[in-house]
Amino acid sequence: MLKNLLSWYDGAARPLPWRAPGTSPWAILVCEVMSQQTPVARVAPAWRAWLERWPTPADLAAAAPADVLIMWGRLGYPRRALRLRECAIALVERHGGQVPRTREDLLALPGIGPYTADALLAFAFQRRSVVLDTNIRRVLARVYDGVALPPAHQTVRERTRADALVPSDGPGAARWNAALMELGALVCTAREPACAICPLRAECRWLAAGKPQNAAPRTTQKFTGTQREARGKIMAVLREHRGGYTRPDLLRASHLSEKRFVPALASLIEDGLAQEVAGRYHLPIAAGASAGAVQNVS
């Protein structure tokens, strides 16, 4: 399995910018956070722009929250942007502006969960770790369990099996994880997998069994009409004018009904993505700043 997979990867891997030699651990951390629930095609241009503006954790730590949210644009789940800034501040305060090299220290950072910590160990530091994203879990479930999709939630059994498969050396483990992830993204996809060109087809139990759909179908979460959509509409308006809006103006510009507008705005304020100062709503500003300062954030 290992030889076939890596040979395929050598010829099929996408030239993603964060895979370039010399990419810093910070740049890879930014990529991993941006890539959470966001397609690679949307991440790449945002990643380049972000690192051009804030090439180090210290640069981002000094940025205004409003700038961070504007730069995040339409990547989705904008709370990630603020958490990334909080992570940068923690890196400056605790680690001298460097990304730490241990799983324990990584997990202690804001916005860094188990998957992201493992991915950073592998791809930023070439250290052995078990990286289990959606793509890798799906490939292993098909090859070894003969099922279309893995369980909805990661199991101890899955991690134990993956740990037994990962090569013992750090660089080899990083390459293995990247190859499996790429296979799941390009060939062993959730829908319409290209089994005819899969390097693991000879040993895939799911293919041998006739590709049974023995996993419960997973529906794509709707977006239209959700609070997430309403929040996005309000955020889009707030990003257009740093001076903020009165409540009636914000409601009108968002094109939302009162019923959808009220809870969406309240949730944005609760999450720290919007603020009200002197009767005007705007993107968050640094603690202690005045409402008038919002207009001058650069």
C-alpha atoms as a PDB file:
ATOM      1  CA  MET A   1       0.000   0.000   0.000  1.00  0.00           C
ATOM      2  CA  LEU A   2       2.709   2.458   1.005  1.00  0.00           C
ATOM      3  CA  LYS A   3       4.725   2.166  -2.224  1.00  0.00           C
ATOM      4  CA  ASN A   4       1.703   2.486  -4.527  1.00  0.00           C
ATOM      5  CA  LEU A   5       0.273   5.411  -2.580  1.00  0.00           C
ATOM      6  CA  LEU A   6       3.504   7.411  -2.491  1.00  0.00           C
ATOM      7  CA  SER A   7       4.263   6.742  -6.158  1.00  0.00           C
ATOM      8  CA  TRP A   8       0.821   8.064  -7.037  1.00  0.00           C
ATOM      9  CA  TYR A   9       1.311  11.099  -4.795  1.00  0.00           C
ATOM     10  CA  ASP A  10       4.615  11.994  -6.405  1.00  0.00           C
ATOM     11  CA  GLY A  11       2.876  12.377  -9.751  1.00  0.00           C
ATOM     12  CA  ALA A  12      -0.536  13.654  -8.707  1.00  0.00           C
ATOM     13  CA  ALA A  13       0.000  16.036  -5.791  1.00  0.00           C
ATOM     14  CA  ARG A  14      -1.331  19.521  -6.403  1.00  0.00           C
ATOM     15  CA  PRO A  15       1.264  22.335  -6.275  1.00  0.00           C
ATOM     16  CA  LEU A  16      -0.445  24.048  -3.363  1.00  0.00           C
ATOM     17  CA  PRO A  17       1.465  27.144  -2.209  1.00  0.00           C
ATOM     18  CA  TRP A  18       1.847  26.015   1.400  1.00  0.00           C
ATOM     19  CA  ARG A  19       3.614  22.861   0.217  1.00  0.00           C
ATOM     20  CA  ALA A  20       6.508  24.858  -1.202  1.00  0.00           C
ATOM     21  CA  PRO A  21       9.881  24.201   0.463  1.00  0.00           C
ATOM     22  CA  GLY A  22      10.701  26.751   3.125  1.00  0.00           C
ATOM     23  CA  THR A  23       7.088  27.562   4.016  1.00  0.00           C
ATOM     24  CA  SER A  24       7.141  28.734   7.633  1.00  0.00           C
ATOM     25  CA  PRO A  25       5.282  26.961  10.458  1.00  0.00           C
ATOM     26  CA  TRP A  26       3.244  30.144  10.908  1.00  0.00           C
ATOM     27  CA  ALA A  27       2.180  30.101   7.258  1.00  0.00           C
ATOM     28  CA  ILE A  28       1.145  26.457   7.588  1.00  0.00           C
ATOM     29  CA  LEU A  29      -0.795  27.254  10.767  1.00  0.00           C
ATOM     30  CA  VAL A  30      -2.681  30.002   8.906  1.00  0.00           C
ATOM     31  CA  CYS A  31      -3.440  27.541   6.100  1.00  0.00           C
ATOM     32  CA  GLU A  32      -4.769  24.903   8.483  1.00  0.00           C
ATOM     33  CA  VAL A  33      -7.099  27.362  10.214  1.00  0.00           C
ATOM     34  CA  MET A  34      -8.351  28.797   6.938  1.00  0.00           C
ATOM     35  CA  SER A  35      -8.913  25.316   5.492  1.00  0.00           C
ATOM     36  CA  GLN A  36     -11.333  24.293   8.228  1.00  0.00           C
ATOM     37  CA  GLN A  37     -14.659  23.851   6.405  1.00  0.00           C
ATOM     38  CA  THR A  38     -13.442  25.937   3.457  1.00  0.00           C
ATOM     39  CA  PRO A  39     -12.422  24.599   0.001  1.00  0.00           C
ATOM     40  CA  VAL A  40      -8.747  24.845  -0.963  1.00  0.00           C
ATOM     41  CA  ALA A  41      -9.578  26.906  -4.067  1.00  0.00           C
ATOM     42  CA  ARG A  42     -10.974  29.670  -1.862  1.00  0.00           C
ATOM     43  CA  VAL A  43      -8.209  29.406   0.716  1.00  0.00           C
ATOM     44  CA  ALA A  44      -5.188  29.842  -1.585  1.00  0.00           C
ATOM     45  CA  PRO A  45      -5.695  33.500  -2.639  1.00  0.00           C
ATOM     46  CA  ALA A  46      -6.797  34.521   0.864  1.00  0.00           C
ATOM     47  CA  TRP A  47      -3.759  32.766   2.365  1.00  0.00           C
ATOM     48  CA  ARG A  48      -1.354  34.599   0.069  1.00  0.00           C
ATOM     49  CA  ALA A  49      -2.951  37.979   0.803  1.00  0.00           C
ATOM     50  CA  TRP A  50      -3.015  37.317   4.541  1.00  0.00           C
ATOM     51  CA  LEU A  51       0.681  36.411   4.733  1.00  0.00           C
ATOM     52  CA  GLU A  52       1.662  39.352   2.574  1.00  0.00           C
ATOM     53  CA  ARG A  53       0.037  41.633   5.120  1.00  0.00           C
ATOM     54  CA  TRP A  54       0.855  39.706   8.298  1.00  0.00           C
ATOM     55  CA  PRO A  55       3.886  37.480   7.594  1.00  0.00           C
ATOM     56  CA  THR A  56       4.580  36.738  11.274  1.00  0.00           C
ATOM     57  CA  PRO A  57       2.518  36.159  14.421  1.00  0.00           C
ATOM     58  CA  ALA A  58       3.769  39.492  15.778  1.00  0.00           C
ATOM     59  CA  ASP A  59       2.366  41.296  12.754  1.00  0.00           C
ATOM     60  CA  LEU A  60      -1.084  39.777  13.216  1.00  0.00           C
ATOM     61  CA  ALA A  61      -1.027  40.233  16.992  1.00  0.00           C
ATOM     62  CA  ALA A  62      -0.672  43.994  16.457  1.00  0.00           C
ATOM     63  CA  ALA A  63      -3.544  44.162  13.955  1.00  0.00           C
ATOM     64  CA  ALA A  64      -6.936  45.667  14.736  1.00  0.00           C
ATOM     65  CA  PRO A  65      -9.788  43.129  14.992  1.00  0.00           C
ATOM     66  CA  ALA A  66     -11.745  45.044  12.346  1.00  0.00           C
ATOM     67  CA  ASP A  67      -8.843  44.726   9.903  1.00  0.00           C
ATOM     68  CA  VAL A  68      -8.635  41.015  10.568  1.00  0.00           C
ATOM     69  CA  LEU A  69     -12.325  40.473   9.855  1.00  0.00           C
ATOM     70  CA  ILE A  70     -12.220  42.586   6.701  1.00  0.00           C
ATOM     71  CA  MET A  71      -9.201  40.642   5.437  1.00  0.00           C
ATOM     72  CA  TRP A  72     -10.941  37.354   6.216  1.00  0.00           C
ATOM     73  CA  GLY A  73     -13.627  38.400   3.760  1.00  0.00           C
ATOM     74  CA  ARG A  74     -15.952  35.605   2.680  1.00  0.00           C
ATOM     75  CA  LEU A  75     -13.967  32.589   3.855  1.00  0.00           C
ATOM     76  CA  GLY A  76     -16.838  31.803   6.212  1.00  0.00           C
ATOM     77  CA  TYR A  77     -17.033  31.222   9.961  1.00  0.00           C
ATOM     78  CA  PRO A  78     -15.364  34.592  10.717  1.00  0.00           C
ATOM     79  CA  ARG A  79     -14.881  33.719  14.363  1.00  0.00           C
ATOM     80  CA  ARG A  80     -11.889  31.748  13.076  1.00  0.00           C
ATOM     81  CA  ALA A  81     -10.257  35.039  12.095  1.00  0.00           C
ATOM     82  CA  LEU A  82     -10.459  36.423  15.613  1.00  0.00           C
ATOM     83  CA  ARG A  83      -9.247  33.139  17.061  1.00  0.00           C
ATOM     84  CA  LEU A  84      -6.287  33.244  14.690  1.00  0.00           C
ATOM     85  CA  ARG A  85      -5.454  36.716  15.962  1.00  0.00           C
ATOM     86  CA  GLU A  86      -5.793  35.468  19.544  1.00  0.00           C
ATOM     87  CA  CYS A  87      -3.471  32.600  18.621  1.00  0.00           C
ATOM     88  CA  ALA A  88      -0.915  35.082  17.262  1.00  0.00           C
ATOM     89  CA  ILE A  89      -1.061  37.069  20.496  1.00  0.00           C
ATOM     90  CA  ALA A  90      -0.493  33.874  22.501  1.00  0.00           C
ATOM     91  CA  LEU A  91       2.472  32.949  20.298  1.00  0.00           C
ATOM     92  CA  VAL A  92       4.054  36.340  20.937  1.00  0.00           C
ATOM     93  CA  GLU A  93       3.370  36.291  24.670  1.00  0.00           C
ATOM     94  CA  ARG A  94       4.232  32.656  25.395  1.00  0.00           C
ATOM     95  CA  HIS A  95       6.590  31.486  22.665  1.00  0.00           C
ATOM     96  CA  GLY A  96       8.562  34.482  21.463  1.00  0.00           C
ATOM     97  CA  GLY A  97       6.511  34.761  18.289  1.00  0.00           C
ATOM     98  CA  GLN A  98       7.294  31.214  17.180  1.00  0.00           C
ATOM     99  CA  VAL A  99       4.963  28.253  16.625  1.00  0.00           C
ATOM    100  CA  PRO A 100       5.738  25.634  19.310  1.00  0.00           C
ATOM    101  CA  ARG A 101       6.861  22.151  18.331  1.00  0.00           C
ATOM    102  CA  THR A 102       5.027  20.016  20.893  1.00  0.00           C
ATOM    103  CA  ARG A 103       1.452  18.779  20.747  1.00  0.00           C
ATOM    104  CA  GLU A 104       0.785  19.922  24.310  1.00  0.00           C
ATOM    105  CA  ASP A 105       1.865  23.498  23.583  1.00  0.00           C
ATOM    106  CA  LEU A 106      -0.043  23.579  20.307  1.00  0.00           C
ATOM    107  CA  LEU A 107      -3.267  22.392  21.939  1.00  0.00           C
ATOM    108  CA  ALA A 108      -2.948  25.174  24.519  1.00  0.00           C
ATOM    109  CA  LEU A 109      -3.188  27.823  21.785  1.00  0.00           C
ATOM    110  CA  PRO A 110      -6.538  29.519  20.986  1.00  0.00           C
ATOM    111  CA  GLY A 111      -8.298  27.927  18.044  1.00  0.00           C
ATOM    112  CA  ILE A 112      -5.978  24.893  17.820  1.00  0.00           C
ATOM    113  CA  GLY A 113      -7.720  21.534  18.277  1.00  0.00           C
ATOM    114  CA  PRO A 114      -6.374  17.970  18.025  1.00  0.00           C
ATOM    115  CA  TYR A 115      -6.554  17.737  14.243  1.00  0.00           C
ATOM    116  CA  THR A 116      -4.806  21.089  13.674  1.00  0.00           C
ATOM    117  CA  ALA A 117      -2.113  20.247  16.232  1.00  0.00           C
ATOM    118  CA  ASP A 118      -1.411  16.913  14.538  1.00  0.00           C
ATOM    119  CA  ALA A 119      -1.366  18.541  11.101  1.00  0.00           C
ATOM    120  CA  LEU A 120       1.134  21.149  12.280  1.00  0.00           C
ATOM    121  CA  LEU A 121       3.417  18.503  13.765  1.00  0.00           C
ATOM    122  CA  ALA A 122       3.394  16.650  10.448  1.00  0.00           C
ATOM    123  CA  PHE A 123       3.430  19.406   7.859  1.00  0.00           C
ATOM    124  CA  ALA A 124       5.191  22.262   9.681  1.00  0.00           C
ATOM    125  CA  PHE A 125       7.793  20.264  11.589  1.00  0.00           C
ATOM    126  CA  GLN A 126       7.984  16.917   9.766  1.00  0.00           C
ATOM    127  CA  ARG A 127       7.320  15.104  13.029  1.00  0.00           C
ATOM    128  CA  ARG A 128       5.442  11.828  13.330  1.00  0.00           C
ATOM    129  CA  SER A 129       1.765  12.324  14.097  1.00  0.00           C
ATOM    130  CA  VAL A 130      -1.591  10.770  13.259  1.00  0.00           C
ATOM    131  CA  VAL A 131      -3.513  13.183  11.038  1.00  0.00           C
ATOM    132  CA  LEU A 132      -7.138  12.141  10.655  1.00  0.00           C
ATOM    133  CA  ASP A 133      -9.136  14.534   8.544  1.00  0.00           C
ATOM    134  CA  THR A 134     -12.356  13.704   6.682  1.00  0.00           C
ATOM    135  CA  ASN A 135     -10.501  12.578   3.570  1.00  0.00           C
ATOM    136  CA  ILE A 136      -8.105  10.233   5.364  1.00  0.00           C
ATOM    137  CA  ARG A 137     -10.877   8.715   7.458  1.00  0.00           C
ATOM    138  CA  ARG A 138     -12.934   8.007   4.327  1.00  0.00           C
ATOM    139  CA  VAL A 139     -10.023   6.347   2.492  1.00  0.00           C
ATOM    140  CA  LEU A 140      -9.159   4.102   5.419  1.00  0.00           C
ATOM    141  CA  ALA A 141     -12.801   3.172   6.018  1.00  0.00           C
ATOM    142  CA  ARG A 142     -13.183   2.063   2.409  1.00  0.00           C
ATOM    143  CA  VAL A 143      -9.893   0.225   2.110  1.00  0.00           C
ATOM    144  CA  TYR A 144      -9.993  -1.596   5.457  1.00  0.00           C
ATOM    145  CA  ASP A 145     -13.638  -1.696   6.562  1.00  0.00           C
ATOM    146  CA  GLY A 146     -15.340  -1.958   3.187  1.00  0.00           C
ATOM    147  CA  VAL A 147     -17.821   0.811   3.993  1.00  0.00           C
ATOM    148  CA  ALA A 148     -18.651   3.911   1.984  1.00  0.00           C
ATOM    149  CA  LEU A 149     -18.174   6.386   4.809  1.00  0.00           C
ATOM    150  CA  PRO A 150     -16.564   6.301   8.268  1.00  0.00           C
ATOM    151  CA  PRO A 151     -18.602   6.828  11.451  1.00  0.00           C
ATOM    152  CA  ALA A 152     -19.991  10.320  11.953  1.00  0.00           C
ATOM    153  CA  HIS A 153     -17.562  10.831  14.837  1.00  0.00           C
ATOM    154  CA  GLN A 154     -13.968   9.676  15.047  1.00  0.00           C
ATOM    155  CA  THR A 155     -13.498   6.493  17.073  1.00  0.00           C
ATOM    156  CA  VAL A 156     -10.631   5.139  19.144  1.00  0.00           C
ATOM    157  CA  ARG A 157     -10.455   2.197  16.761  1.00  0.00           C
ATOM    158  CA  GLU A 158      -9.905   4.492  13.794  1.00  0.00           C
ATOM    159  CA  ARG A 159      -7.075   6.332  15.502  1.00  0.00           C
ATOM    160  CA  THR A 160      -5.437   3.123  16.693  1.00  0.00           C
ATOM    161  CA  ARG A 161      -5.486   1.694  13.187  1.00  0.00           C
ATOM    162  CA  ALA A 162      -4.166   4.892  11.636  1.00  0.00           C
ATOM    163  CA  ASP A 163      -1.398   5.034  14.213  1.00  0.00           C
ATOM    164  CA  ALA A 164      -0.319   1.504  13.232  1.00  0.00           C
ATOM    165  CA  LEU A 165      -0.135   2.527   9.552  1.00  0.00           C
ATOM    166  CA  VAL A 166       1.789   5.787   9.875  1.00  0.00           C
ATOM    167  CA  PRO A 167       5.524   5.346   9.157  1.00  0.00           C
ATOM    168  CA  SER A 168       7.812   5.643  12.158  1.00  0.00           C
ATOM    169  CA  ASP A 169      10.031   8.448  10.838  1.00  0.00           C
ATOM    170  CA  GLY A 170       8.810  12.020  10.862  1.00  0.00           C
ATOM    171  CA  PRO A 171       9.318  12.982   7.194  1.00  0.00           C
ATOM    172  CA  GLY A 172       7.906   9.638   6.065  1.00  0.00           C
ATOM    173  CA  ALA A 173       4.878  10.086   8.299  1.00  0.00           C
ATOM    174  CA  ALA A 174       4.275  13.613   6.974  1.00  0.00           C
ATOM    175  CA  ARG A 175       4.438  12.391   3.384  1.00  0.00           C
ATOM    176  CA  TRP A 176       2.124   9.470   4.154  1.00  0.00           C
ATOM    177  CA  ASN A 177      -0.457  11.741   5.766  1.00  0.00           C
ATOM    178  CA  ALA A 178      -0.286  14.220   2.887  1.00  0.00           C
ATOM    179  CA  ALA A 179      -0.626  11.438   0.298  1.00  0.00           C
ATOM    180  CA  LEU A 180      -3.683   9.880   1.951  1.00  0.00           C
ATOM    181  CA  MET A 181      -5.278  13.287   2.348  1.00  0.00           C
ATOM    182  CA  GLU A 182      -4.657  14.085  -1.323  1.00  0.00           C
ATOM    183  CA  LEU A 183      -6.048  10.724  -2.414  1.00  0.00           C
ATOM    184  CA  GLY A 184      -9.262  11.430  -0.544  1.00  0.00           C
ATOM    185  CA  ALA A 185      -9.508  14.911  -2.007  1.00  0.00           C
ATOM    186  CA  LEU A 186      -8.840  13.980  -5.627  1.00  0.00           C
ATOM    187  CA  VAL A 187      -9.727  10.306  -6.159  1.00  0.00           C
ATOM    188  CA  CYS A 188     -11.491   8.641  -3.234  1.00  0.00           C
ATOM    189  CA  THR A 189     -14.052  11.409  -2.991  1.00  0.00           C
ATOM    190  CA  ALA A 190     -17.291  11.213  -1.028  1.00  0.00           C
ATOM    191  CA  ARG A 191     -19.340  11.206  -4.221  1.00  0.00           C
ATOM    192  CA  GLU A 192     -18.371   9.584  -7.517  1.00  0.00           C
ATOM    193  CA  PRO A 193     -14.915   8.303  -6.526  1.00  0.00           C
ATOM    194  CA  ALA A 194     -12.543   7.559  -9.415  1.00  0.00           C
ATOM    195  CA  CYS A 195     -11.854   3.969  -8.419  1.00  0.00           C
ATOM    196  CA  ALA A 196     -10.440   3.042 -11.839  1.00  0.00           C
ATOM    197  CA  ILE A 197      -7.372   5.217 -11.272  1.00  0.00           C
ATOM    198  CA  CYS A 198      -6.983   4.680  -7.529  1.00  0.00           C
ATOM    199  CA  PRO A 199      -3.556   3.329  -6.518  1.00  0.00           C
ATOM    200  CA  LEU A 200      -5.228   1.354  -3.704  1.00  0.00           C
ATOM    201  CA  ARG A 201      -7.933  -0.298  -5.801  1.00  0.00           C
ATOM    202  CA  ALA A 202      -6.321  -3.751  -5.608  1.00  0.00           C
ATOM    203  CA  GLU A 203      -6.626  -3.829  -1.832  1.00  0.00           C
ATOM    204  CA  CYS A 204      -9.823  -1.826  -1.309  1.00  0.00           C
ATOM    205  CA  ARG A 205     -12.471  -3.935   0.423  1.00  0.00           C
ATOM    206  CA  TRP A 206     -15.207  -1.480  -0.482  1.00  0.00           C
ATOM    207  CA  LEU A 207     -14.442  -1.743  -4.199  1.00  0.00           C
ATOM    208  CA  ALA A 208     -14.163  -5.537  -3.954  1.00  0.00           C
ATOM    209  CA  ALA A 209     -17.599  -5.667  -2.329  1.00  0.00           C
ATOM    210  CA  GLY A 210     -19.156  -3.711  -5.195  1.00  0.00           C
ATOM    211  CA  LYS A 211     -19.077  -0.299  -3.449  1.00  0.00           C
ATOM    212  CA  PRO A 212     -22.111  -0.910  -1.214  1.00  0.00           C
ATOM    213  CA  GLN A 213     -23.841   2.181   0.115  1.00  0.00           C
ATOM    214  CA  ASN A 214     -23.941   0.763   3.612  1.00  0.00           C
ATOM    215  CA  ALA A 215     -23.482   4.123   5.283  1.00  0.00           C
ATOM    216  CA  ALA A 216     -26.363   6.408   6.073  1.00  0.00           C
ATOM    217  CA  PRO A 217     -26.552   9.202   3.490  1.00  0.00           C
ATOM    218  CA  ARG A 218     -25.308  12.514   4.800  1.00  0.00           C
ATOM    219  CA  THR A 219     -27.234  15.519   3.657  1.00  0.00           C
ATOM    220  CA  THR A 220     -25.493  18.777   2.914  1.00  0.00           C
ATOM    221  CA  GLN A 221     -26.412  21.380   5.486  1.00  0.00           C
ATOM    222  CA  LYS A 222     -28.657  23.998   3.940  1.00  0.00           C
ATOM    223  CA  PHE A 223     -27.478  27.584   3.957  1.00  0.00           C
ATOM    224  CA  THR A 224     -30.331  29.663   2.590  1.00  0.00           C
ATOM    225  CA  GLY A 225     -32.650  30.767   5.354  1.00  0.00           C
ATOM    226  CA  THR A 226     -30.261  29.861   8.170  1.00  0.00           C
ATOM    227  CA  GLN A 227     -28.929  32.124  10.878  1.00  0.00           C
ATOM    228  CA  ARG A 228     -25.468  31.571   9.411  1.00  0.00           C
ATOM    229  CA  GLU A 229     -26.674  33.175   6.183  1.00  0.00           C
ATOM    230  CA  ALA A 230     -28.211  36.081   8.117  1.00  0.00           C
ATOM    231  CA  ARG A 231     -24.989  36.600  10.062  1.00  0.00           C
ATOM    232  CA  GLY A 232     -23.051  36.623   6.812  1.00  0.00           C
ATOM    233  CA  LYS A 233     -25.306  39.286   5.312  1.00  0.00           C
ATOM    234  CA  ILE A 234     -24.815  41.530   8.346  1.00  0.00           C
ATOM    235  CA  MET A 235     -21.054  40.973   8.368  1.00  0.00           C
ATOM    236  CA  ALA A 236     -20.849  41.827   4.668  1.00  0.00           C
ATOM    237  CA  VAL A 237     -22.524  45.164   5.366  1.00  0.00           C
ATOM    238  CA  LEU A 238     -20.322  45.921   8.384  1.00  0.00           C
ATOM    239  CA  ARG A 239     -17.172  45.268   6.346  1.00  0.00           C
ATOM    240  CA  GLU A 240     -18.196  47.950   3.843  1.00  0.00           C
ATOM    241  CA  HIS A 241     -18.098  50.916   6.221  1.00  0.00           C
ATOM    242  CA  ARG A 242     -15.982  51.112   9.336  1.00  0.00           C
ATOM    243  CA  GLY A 243     -17.874  54.066  10.709  1.00  0.00           C
ATOM    244  CA  GLY A 244     -20.743  51.748  11.482  1.00  0.00           C
ATOM    245  CA  TYR A 245     -24.480  51.909  10.991  1.00  0.00           C
ATOM    246  CA  THR A 246     -27.501  52.829  13.014  1.00  0.00           C
ATOM    247  CA  ARG A 247     -29.762  49.886  13.678  1.00  0.00           C
ATOM    248  CA  PRO A 248     -32.367  50.910  11.064  1.00  0.00           C
ATOM    249  CA  ASP A 249     -29.665  51.473   8.444  1.00  0.00           C
ATOM    250  CA  LEU A 250     -28.010  48.133   9.191  1.00  0.00           C
ATOM    251  CA  LEU A 251     -31.334  46.321   9.005  1.00  0.00           C
ATOM    252  CA  ARG A 252     -32.163  47.971   5.689  1.00  0.00           C
ATOM    253  CA  ALA A 253     -28.737  47.313   4.160  1.00  0.00           C
ATOM    254  CA  SER A 254     -28.764  43.658   5.203  1.00  0.00           C
ATOM    255  CA  HIS A 255     -32.018  42.985   3.328  1.00  0.00           C
ATOM    256  CA  LEU A 256     -33.181  40.775   6.190  1.00  0.00           C
ATOM    257  CA  SER A 257     -36.533  40.621   7.894  1.00  0.00           C
ATOM    258  CA  GLU A 258     -36.719  41.917  11.458  1.00  0.00           C
ATOM    259  CA  LYS A 259     -37.340  38.355  12.622  1.00  0.00           C
ATOM    260  CA  ARG A 260     -34.061  37.096  11.135  1.00  0.00           C
ATOM    261  CA  PHE A 261     -32.045  40.259  11.766  1.00  0.00           C
ATOM    262  CA  VAL A 262     -32.530  40.489  15.537  1.00  0.00           C
ATOM    263  CA  PRO A 263     -31.160  37.078  16.606  1.00  0.00           C
ATOM    264  CA  ALA A 264     -28.380  37.166  13.983  1.00  0.00           C
ATOM    265  CA  LEU A 265     -27.103  40.549  15.172  1.00  0.00           C
ATOM    266  CA  ALA A 266     -27.347  39.479  18.811  1.00  0.00           C
ATOM    267  CA  SER A 267     -25.276  36.362  18.104  1.00  0.00           C
ATOM    268  CA  LEU A 268     -22.616  38.396  16.275  1.00  0.00           C
ATOM    269  CA  ILE A 269     -22.295  40.710  19.261  1.00  0.00           C
ATOM    270  CA  GLU A 270     -22.128  37.757  21.634  1.00  0.00           C
ATOM    271  CA  ASP A 271     -19.347  36.178  19.550  1.00  0.00           C
ATOM    272  CA  GLY A 272     -17.335  39.396  19.496  1.00  0.00           C
ATOM    273  CA  LEU A 273     -17.799  39.876  15.751  1.00  0.00           C
ATOM    274  CA  ALA A 274     -19.751  43.110  16.068  1.00  0.00           C
ATOM    275  CA  GLN A 275     -20.055  45.931  18.598  1.00  0.00           C
ATOM    276  CA  GLU A 276     -22.473  48.695  19.436  1.00  0.00           C
ATOM    277  CA  VAL A 277     -20.970  52.029  20.446  1.00  0.00           C
ATOM    278  CA  ALA A 278     -23.049  55.167  20.877  1.00  0.00           C
ATOM    279  CA  GLY A 279     -25.958  53.688  18.989  1.00  0.00           C
ATOM    280  CA  ARG A 280     -23.926  52.544  15.986  1.00  0.00           C
ATOM    281  CA  TYR A 281     -23.027  48.981  15.029  1.00  0.00           C
ATOM    282  CA  HIS A 282     -19.638  48.158  13.548  1.00  0.00           C
ATOM    283  CA  LEU A 283     -16.869  45.592  13.449  1.00  0.00           C
ATOM    284  CA  PRO A 284     -15.028  45.116  16.769  1.00  0.00           C
ATOM    285  CA  ILE A 285     -12.291  47.534  17.703  1.00  0.00           C
ATOM    286  CA  ALA A 286      -9.514  47.157  20.254  1.00  0.00           C
ATOM    287  CA  ALA A 287     -10.556  47.479  23.877  1.00  0.00           C
ATOM    288  CA  GLY A 288     -10.616  51.095  24.977  1.00  0.00           C
ATOM    289  CA  ALA A 289     -10.946  52.536  21.466  1.00  0.00           C
ATOM    290  CA  SER A 290     -13.659  55.055  20.768  1.00  0.00           C
ATOM    291  CA  ALA A 291     -16.398  54.758  18.194  1.00  0.00           C
ATOM    292  CA  GLY A 292     -14.778  57.497  16.142  1.00  0.00           C
ATOM    293  CA  ALA A 293     -11.532  55.510  16.002  1.00  0.00           C
ATOM    294  CA  VAL A 294     -13.239  52.838  13.983  1.00  0.00           C
ATOM    295  CA  GLN A 295     -13.250  55.094  10.933  1.00  0.00           C
ATOM    296  CA  ASN A 296      -9.476  55.500  11.134  1.00  0.00           C
ATOM    297  CA  VAL A 297      -8.416  51.892  11.538  1.00  0.00           C
ATOM    298  CA  SER A 298      -5.868  51.131   8.828  1.00  0.00           C
END
